[in-house]
Amino acid sequence: MNTIYGPLYSRRLGISVGIDIIPYKTCSFNCVYCHEGETTNLTCQRQNFLDSREVLEELSSLAGKKQLRGLDLDYLTFAGSGEPTLNRDLGRYIAHLKEISPVPVAVITNSSLLWDRDVRDDLRQADLVVPSLDAAGEESFQRVNRPCKELSLEKIFRGLRQFCREFSGEIWLEILLCRGLNDSEADLARLAEVLETMELDKVQINTVSRPPAQDKIEPVPPQTLRHFREQLAEKVEIIEESTGFWRKAMEADLEKAILDRLNYKPESMLSLSRELKKSGQEIIKVLARLEKEGKVVRFIRDRTSFYRKTPGAHGK
């Protein structure tokens, strides 16, 4: 089924095995900055989506393992190409991993369904939950996250506050800033006010670092990140792109494989993901770096991002 991917190096979680239990781009948000592209199934309705027996069988391959491919694992992380809390079997999968694996379980979520008691009950079994809150004002929220019509910020606030009261594990809140969309002084003041009402272990500030769903979305400058960090709660840190050994080691072969594929014809992120049997997250991280280094060029065709190799570019 290819539910499991990685291990990969995460800026926030270290060496992590990813677990994707949602069909590609099924989400309750259609974030303008999403490196996976536009949401094709915008929904707030929880479903099973996958054959749970097959997922559980695949997860069982992690039984007892503290390492994978020679790497010490920091987390088993539910993330991927959609919103994991949309899967009604999430709690069942977390419980299974807690029974068979010594590695902590993390869930990355956009916070949209935390108002649902069943979702909170599912997440309660995890060791770490990383929710996001990109804006504390309704206009900025709509501009950046483009949510399902059933959602409002107040509903999300209530869910986050309730989850903070109930959850015994770690909660690291992520805020992703986009230039001109959610980085104003008014946005900062509203975020500071809201964060004071929540019990969080960390607040992590981030900005656009990979090709976004919409071309005109830009990162904020470093001084804006520093300003938000200084004005928000005490436990705030800026998440910066890592250039450490493990990331380089894991991406070296993938870079060569991508450039080899692009020798023949332009490819989309999704087609590369399918052909190389890697997650969209792994592929897009390498593509973003290759584009920055001038080794590939991105272009749009039928509202989809494609990549072509720059003449003379070589893999590592």
Protein backbone atom coordinates (compact mmCIF):
# COMPACT_ATOMS: atom_id res chain seq x y z
CA MET A 1 0.00 0.00 0.00
CA ASN A 2 2.96 2.36 0.59
CA THR A 3 1.42 3.91 3.71
CA ILE A 4 4.90 4.08 5.29
CA TYR A 5 7.62 6.28 3.80
CA GLY A 6 11.11 7.37 4.78
CA PRO A 7 12.92 7.58 7.06
CA LEU A 8 13.51 11.23 6.31
CA TYR A 9 15.06 14.14 8.15
CA SER A 10 12.50 16.58 9.56
CA ARG A 11 13.45 20.08 10.62
CA ARG A 12 11.21 19.66 13.67
CA LEU A 13 11.22 15.94 14.46
CA GLY A 14 14.68 14.69 13.54
CA ILE A 15 14.80 11.23 11.92
CA SER A 16 11.19 10.26 11.29
CA VAL A 17 9.26 7.52 9.52
CA GLY A 18 6.21 9.04 7.84
CA ILE A 19 2.78 7.40 7.82
CA ASP A 20 0.26 8.65 5.24
CA ILE A 21 -3.31 7.40 5.79
CA ILE A 22 -5.13 9.93 3.60
CA PRO A 23 -5.68 9.88 -0.19
CA TYR A 24 -3.51 12.40 -1.99
CA LYS A 25 -4.60 16.01 -1.32
CA THR A 26 -7.68 15.18 0.76
CA CYS A 27 -7.75 17.93 3.35
CA SER A 28 -9.96 20.30 5.32
CA PHE A 29 -7.77 23.23 4.22
CA ASN A 30 -6.51 24.40 0.83
CA CYS A 31 -3.49 26.34 2.09
CA VAL A 32 -1.93 28.74 -0.39
CA TYR A 33 1.58 27.71 0.73
CA CYS A 34 1.13 23.92 0.61
CA HIS A 35 4.08 22.27 -1.11
CA GLU A 36 1.86 19.32 -2.08
CA GLY A 37 -0.21 21.61 -4.36
CA GLU A 38 -3.88 22.54 -4.44
CA THR A 39 -6.34 20.45 -2.41
CA THR A 40 -8.43 18.34 -4.77
CA ASN A 41 -10.83 16.96 -2.13
CA LEU A 42 -11.75 19.71 0.33
CA THR A 43 -13.71 18.06 3.12
CA CYS A 44 -14.34 18.05 6.88
CA GLN A 45 -16.01 14.62 6.86
CA ARG A 46 -14.09 11.83 8.57
CA GLN A 47 -13.93 8.55 6.64
CA ASN A 48 -12.01 5.28 6.80
CA PHE A 49 -10.45 5.81 3.34
CA LEU A 50 -8.18 2.73 3.41
CA ASP A 51 -8.51 -0.97 4.16
CA SER A 52 -7.62 -0.96 7.87
CA ARG A 53 -6.44 -4.57 7.80
CA GLU A 54 -3.86 -3.77 5.13
CA VAL A 55 -2.73 -0.62 6.96
CA LEU A 56 -2.32 -2.50 10.24
CA GLU A 57 -0.36 -5.21 8.46
CA GLU A 58 1.98 -2.63 6.97
CA LEU A 59 2.41 -0.86 10.31
CA SER A 60 3.32 -4.22 11.84
CA SER A 61 6.52 -4.14 9.79
CA LEU A 62 7.75 -1.55 12.32
CA ALA A 63 7.34 -3.91 15.28
CA GLY A 64 10.22 -3.67 17.75
CA LYS A 65 12.35 -1.52 15.45
CA LYS A 66 14.30 1.40 16.88
CA GLN A 67 16.20 1.76 13.61
CA LEU A 68 15.32 1.69 9.93
CA ARG A 69 17.88 1.57 7.12
CA GLY A 70 20.61 2.01 9.72
CA LEU A 71 19.12 5.21 11.18
CA ASP A 72 18.02 5.69 14.79
CA LEU A 73 14.36 6.75 14.72
CA ASP A 74 13.11 9.73 16.72
CA TYR A 75 9.41 9.48 15.77
CA LEU A 76 6.82 7.56 13.81
CA THR A 77 4.83 10.44 12.33
CA PHE A 78 1.32 10.58 10.88
CA ALA A 79 1.57 13.26 8.18
CA GLY A 80 1.80 13.06 4.39
CA SER A 81 -0.33 14.52 1.61
CA GLY A 82 -3.55 15.30 3.51
CA GLU A 83 -5.03 15.90 6.98
CA PRO A 84 -4.51 12.69 9.03
CA THR A 85 -7.34 13.36 11.51
CA LEU A 86 -9.83 12.93 8.64
CA ASN A 87 -9.20 9.19 8.87
CA ARG A 88 -11.62 7.63 11.39
CA ASP A 89 -9.16 4.79 12.02
CA LEU A 90 -6.40 7.12 13.23
CA GLY A 91 -6.83 6.15 16.89
CA ARG A 92 -6.74 2.47 16.00
CA TYR A 93 -3.48 2.93 14.10
CA ILE A 94 -1.84 4.95 16.88
CA ALA A 95 -2.86 2.34 19.47
CA HIS A 96 -1.38 -0.44 17.31
CA LEU A 97 1.95 1.37 17.00
CA LYS A 98 2.07 2.01 20.75
CA GLU A 99 1.65 -1.73 21.33
CA ILE A 100 4.36 -2.90 18.92
CA SER A 101 6.95 -0.12 18.67
CA PRO A 102 9.31 1.53 21.18
CA VAL A 103 9.51 4.68 19.01
CA PRO A 104 7.36 7.69 20.05
CA VAL A 105 4.33 8.45 17.87
CA ALA A 106 3.72 11.97 16.54
CA VAL A 107 0.80 13.44 14.60
CA ILE A 108 1.03 16.59 12.47
CA THR A 109 -2.39 18.21 12.12
CA ASN A 110 -3.86 21.49 10.87
CA SER A 111 -6.03 21.70 14.05
CA SER A 112 -9.26 21.89 12.04
CA LEU A 113 -11.02 18.94 13.69
CA LEU A 114 -9.89 19.28 17.31
CA TRP A 115 -13.39 20.47 18.25
CA ASP A 116 -14.50 16.86 17.61
CA ARG A 117 -14.30 14.75 20.80
CA ASP A 118 -13.58 11.59 18.78
CA VAL A 119 -10.57 13.25 17.14
CA ARG A 120 -9.23 14.39 20.51
CA ASP A 121 -9.71 10.88 21.89
CA ASP A 122 -7.76 9.43 18.95
CA LEU A 123 -4.89 11.89 19.38
CA ARG A 124 -4.72 11.38 23.15
CA GLN A 125 -2.84 8.12 22.55
CA ALA A 126 0.05 9.85 20.75
CA ASP A 127 3.27 11.07 22.40
CA LEU A 128 3.53 14.31 20.44
CA VAL A 129 0.95 16.35 18.53
CA VAL A 130 2.05 19.19 16.24
CA PRO A 131 -1.01 21.35 15.46
CA SER A 132 -0.86 24.48 13.31
CA LEU A 133 -2.39 27.92 13.69
CA ASP A 134 -1.32 30.26 10.90
CA ALA A 135 -3.65 33.13 11.77
CA ALA A 136 -5.78 34.36 14.66
CA GLY A 137 -7.92 36.72 12.57
CA GLU A 138 -10.73 35.43 10.38
CA GLU A 139 -9.69 37.37 7.25
CA SER A 140 -6.08 36.18 7.42
CA PHE A 141 -7.29 32.64 8.17
CA GLN A 142 -9.46 32.62 5.05
CA ARG A 143 -6.68 34.10 2.88
CA VAL A 144 -3.99 31.64 3.97
CA ASN A 145 -5.77 28.39 4.84
CA ARG A 146 -8.89 28.56 2.60
CA PRO A 147 -10.82 26.11 4.84
CA CYS A 148 -13.99 24.08 4.40
CA LYS A 149 -17.05 26.31 4.69
CA GLU A 150 -18.08 24.50 7.91
CA LEU A 151 -14.99 25.78 9.73
CA SER A 152 -14.41 29.01 11.62
CA LEU A 153 -11.48 30.22 13.64
CA GLU A 154 -13.53 30.33 16.83
CA LYS A 155 -14.39 26.66 16.37
CA ILE A 156 -10.71 25.84 15.92
CA PHE A 157 -9.73 27.94 18.96
CA ARG A 158 -12.20 26.03 21.14
CA GLY A 159 -10.85 22.70 19.92
CA LEU A 160 -7.22 23.68 20.51
CA ARG A 161 -7.92 24.96 24.02
CA GLN A 162 -9.84 21.84 24.94
CA PHE A 163 -7.14 19.58 23.52
CA CYS A 164 -4.44 21.43 25.46
CA ARG A 165 -6.38 20.80 28.68
CA GLU A 166 -6.91 17.09 27.97
CA PHE A 167 -3.65 15.94 26.35
CA SER A 168 -0.86 14.61 28.58
CA GLY A 169 1.82 14.45 25.87
CA GLU A 170 3.81 17.21 24.17
CA ILE A 171 2.11 19.88 22.03
CA TRP A 172 4.25 21.92 19.62
CA LEU A 173 2.22 24.57 17.80
CA GLU A 174 3.44 25.65 14.35
CA ILE A 175 2.79 29.08 12.81
CA LEU A 176 3.68 29.50 9.12
CA LEU A 177 3.97 33.08 7.89
CA CYS A 178 3.43 34.27 4.30
CA ARG A 179 4.52 37.72 3.18
CA GLY A 180 1.60 40.15 3.08
CA LEU A 181 -1.03 37.58 4.13
CA ASN A 182 -0.64 36.91 7.86
CA ASP A 183 2.46 38.85 8.94
CA SER A 184 1.03 42.23 9.97
CA GLU A 185 1.24 43.81 13.40
CA ALA A 186 -2.50 43.16 13.78
CA ASP A 187 -1.93 39.47 12.99
CA LEU A 188 0.86 39.38 15.57
CA ALA A 189 -1.27 41.02 18.27
CA ARG A 190 -4.17 38.61 17.72
CA LEU A 191 -1.85 35.58 17.78
CA ALA A 192 -0.25 36.77 21.04
CA GLU A 193 -3.68 37.19 22.62
CA VAL A 194 -4.87 33.74 21.58
CA LEU A 195 -1.66 31.91 22.55
CA GLU A 196 -1.96 33.25 26.10
CA THR A 197 -5.11 31.11 26.48
CA MET A 198 -3.39 27.85 25.49
CA GLU A 199 -1.05 25.53 27.38
CA LEU A 200 1.67 24.69 24.85
CA ASP A 201 5.09 23.09 25.22
CA LYS A 202 6.55 24.90 22.19
CA VAL A 203 5.55 27.45 19.57
CA GLN A 204 7.47 27.07 16.32
CA ILE A 205 7.53 29.87 13.71
CA ASN A 206 8.18 28.95 10.11
CA THR A 207 7.84 30.43 6.63
CA VAL A 208 7.57 29.27 3.03
CA SER A 209 10.64 27.19 2.09
CA ARG A 210 9.35 24.94 -0.74
CA PRO A 211 7.41 25.64 -3.95
CA PRO A 212 3.89 26.65 -2.79
CA ALA A 213 0.48 25.80 -4.22
CA GLN A 214 0.21 29.34 -5.59
CA ASP A 215 3.14 30.95 -7.39
CA LYS A 216 2.85 34.42 -5.83
CA ILE A 217 3.16 33.20 -2.24
CA GLU A 218 6.44 34.42 -0.75
CA PRO A 219 8.35 33.81 2.50
CA VAL A 220 8.67 36.53 5.11
CA PRO A 221 12.18 37.92 5.71
CA PRO A 222 14.25 36.71 8.68
CA GLN A 223 13.62 39.93 10.61
CA THR A 224 9.87 39.26 10.56
CA LEU A 225 10.41 35.78 12.01
CA ARG A 226 12.60 37.26 14.74
CA HIS A 227 10.04 39.99 15.49
CA PHE A 228 7.23 37.45 15.91
CA ARG A 229 9.44 35.29 18.13
CA GLU A 230 10.30 38.25 20.37
CA GLN A 231 6.67 39.36 20.75
CA LEU A 232 4.98 36.00 21.29
CA ALA A 233 5.08 33.55 24.21
CA GLU A 234 8.28 32.46 25.95
CA LYS A 235 8.54 29.00 24.39
CA VAL A 236 8.93 30.26 20.80
CA GLU A 237 11.58 29.09 18.36
CA ILE A 238 12.27 29.73 14.68
CA ILE A 239 12.41 26.60 12.53
CA GLU A 240 15.18 26.84 9.96
CA GLU A 241 16.15 24.52 7.14
CA SER A 242 18.72 21.97 8.29
CA THR A 243 21.84 21.21 6.27
CA GLY A 244 23.02 18.46 8.62
CA PHE A 245 24.71 15.19 7.79
CA TRP A 246 21.65 12.96 7.97
CA ARG A 247 19.59 15.08 5.60
CA LYS A 248 22.42 15.20 3.08
CA ALA A 249 23.03 11.46 3.35
CA MET A 250 19.37 10.53 2.83
CA GLU A 251 18.79 12.95 -0.05
CA ALA A 252 21.94 12.25 -2.08
CA ASP A 253 20.64 9.12 -3.84
CA LEU A 254 17.17 10.61 -4.28
CA GLU A 255 18.63 13.68 -6.01
CA LYS A 256 20.44 11.49 -8.51
CA ALA A 257 17.31 9.40 -9.13
CA ILE A 258 15.22 12.53 -9.76
CA LEU A 259 17.74 14.04 -12.16
CA ASP A 260 18.02 10.71 -13.99
CA ARG A 261 14.22 10.67 -14.47
CA LEU A 262 14.23 14.27 -15.70
CA ASN A 263 16.79 13.34 -18.33
CA TYR A 264 13.97 11.84 -20.36
CA LYS A 265 11.04 14.25 -19.91
CA PRO A 266 9.53 16.81 -17.51
CA GLU A 267 7.79 15.28 -14.51
CA SER A 268 5.36 16.44 -11.84
CA MET A 269 6.00 15.89 -8.15
CA LEU A 270 3.22 13.30 -8.07
CA SER A 271 4.60 11.30 -11.00
CA LEU A 272 8.09 11.30 -9.46
CA SER A 273 6.60 10.17 -6.15
CA ARG A 274 4.87 7.24 -7.84
CA GLU A 275 7.82 6.21 -10.01
CA LEU A 276 10.45 6.44 -7.26
CA LYS A 277 8.14 5.09 -4.53
CA LYS A 278 8.83 8.06 -2.27
CA SER A 279 6.41 10.38 -0.49
CA GLY A 280 5.52 13.76 -1.92
CA GLN A 281 7.24 15.34 1.10
CA GLU A 282 10.53 13.63 0.32
CA ILE A 283 10.34 14.50 -3.38
CA ILE A 284 9.40 18.15 -2.91
CA LYS A 285 12.19 18.78 -0.40
CA VAL A 286 14.79 17.69 -2.93
CA LEU A 287 13.07 19.45 -5.86
CA ALA A 288 12.96 22.74 -3.94
CA ARG A 289 16.69 22.55 -3.26
CA LEU A 290 17.49 21.54 -6.86
CA GLU A 291 15.44 24.49 -8.12
CA LYS A 292 17.26 26.86 -5.78
CA GLU A 293 20.61 25.47 -6.99
CA GLY A 294 19.57 25.94 -10.63
CA LYS A 295 19.63 22.23 -11.44
CA VAL A 296 15.91 22.05 -12.31
CA VAL A 297 13.33 24.54 -13.57
CA ARG A 298 9.70 24.55 -12.47
CA PHE A 299 6.85 25.49 -14.82
CA ILE A 300 3.05 25.28 -14.74
CA ARG A 301 0.97 23.18 -17.13
CA ASP A 302 -2.76 22.66 -16.63
CA ARG A 303 -2.50 24.16 -13.11
CA THR A 304 0.11 21.53 -12.13
CA SER A 305 3.78 22.18 -11.35
CA PHE A 306 6.22 20.29 -13.56
CA TYR A 307 10.00 20.14 -13.38
CA ARG A 308 12.56 19.90 -16.14
CA LYS A 309 16.29 19.37 -15.80
CA THR A 310 18.59 22.31 -16.50
CA PRO A 311 21.07 21.44 -19.27
CA GLY A 312 24.36 20.29 -17.79
CA ALA A 313 22.96 19.52 -14.33
CA HIS A 314 24.33 16.35 -12.70
CA GLY A 315 23.41 14.40 -9.59
CA LYS A 316 25.76 13.88 -6.68
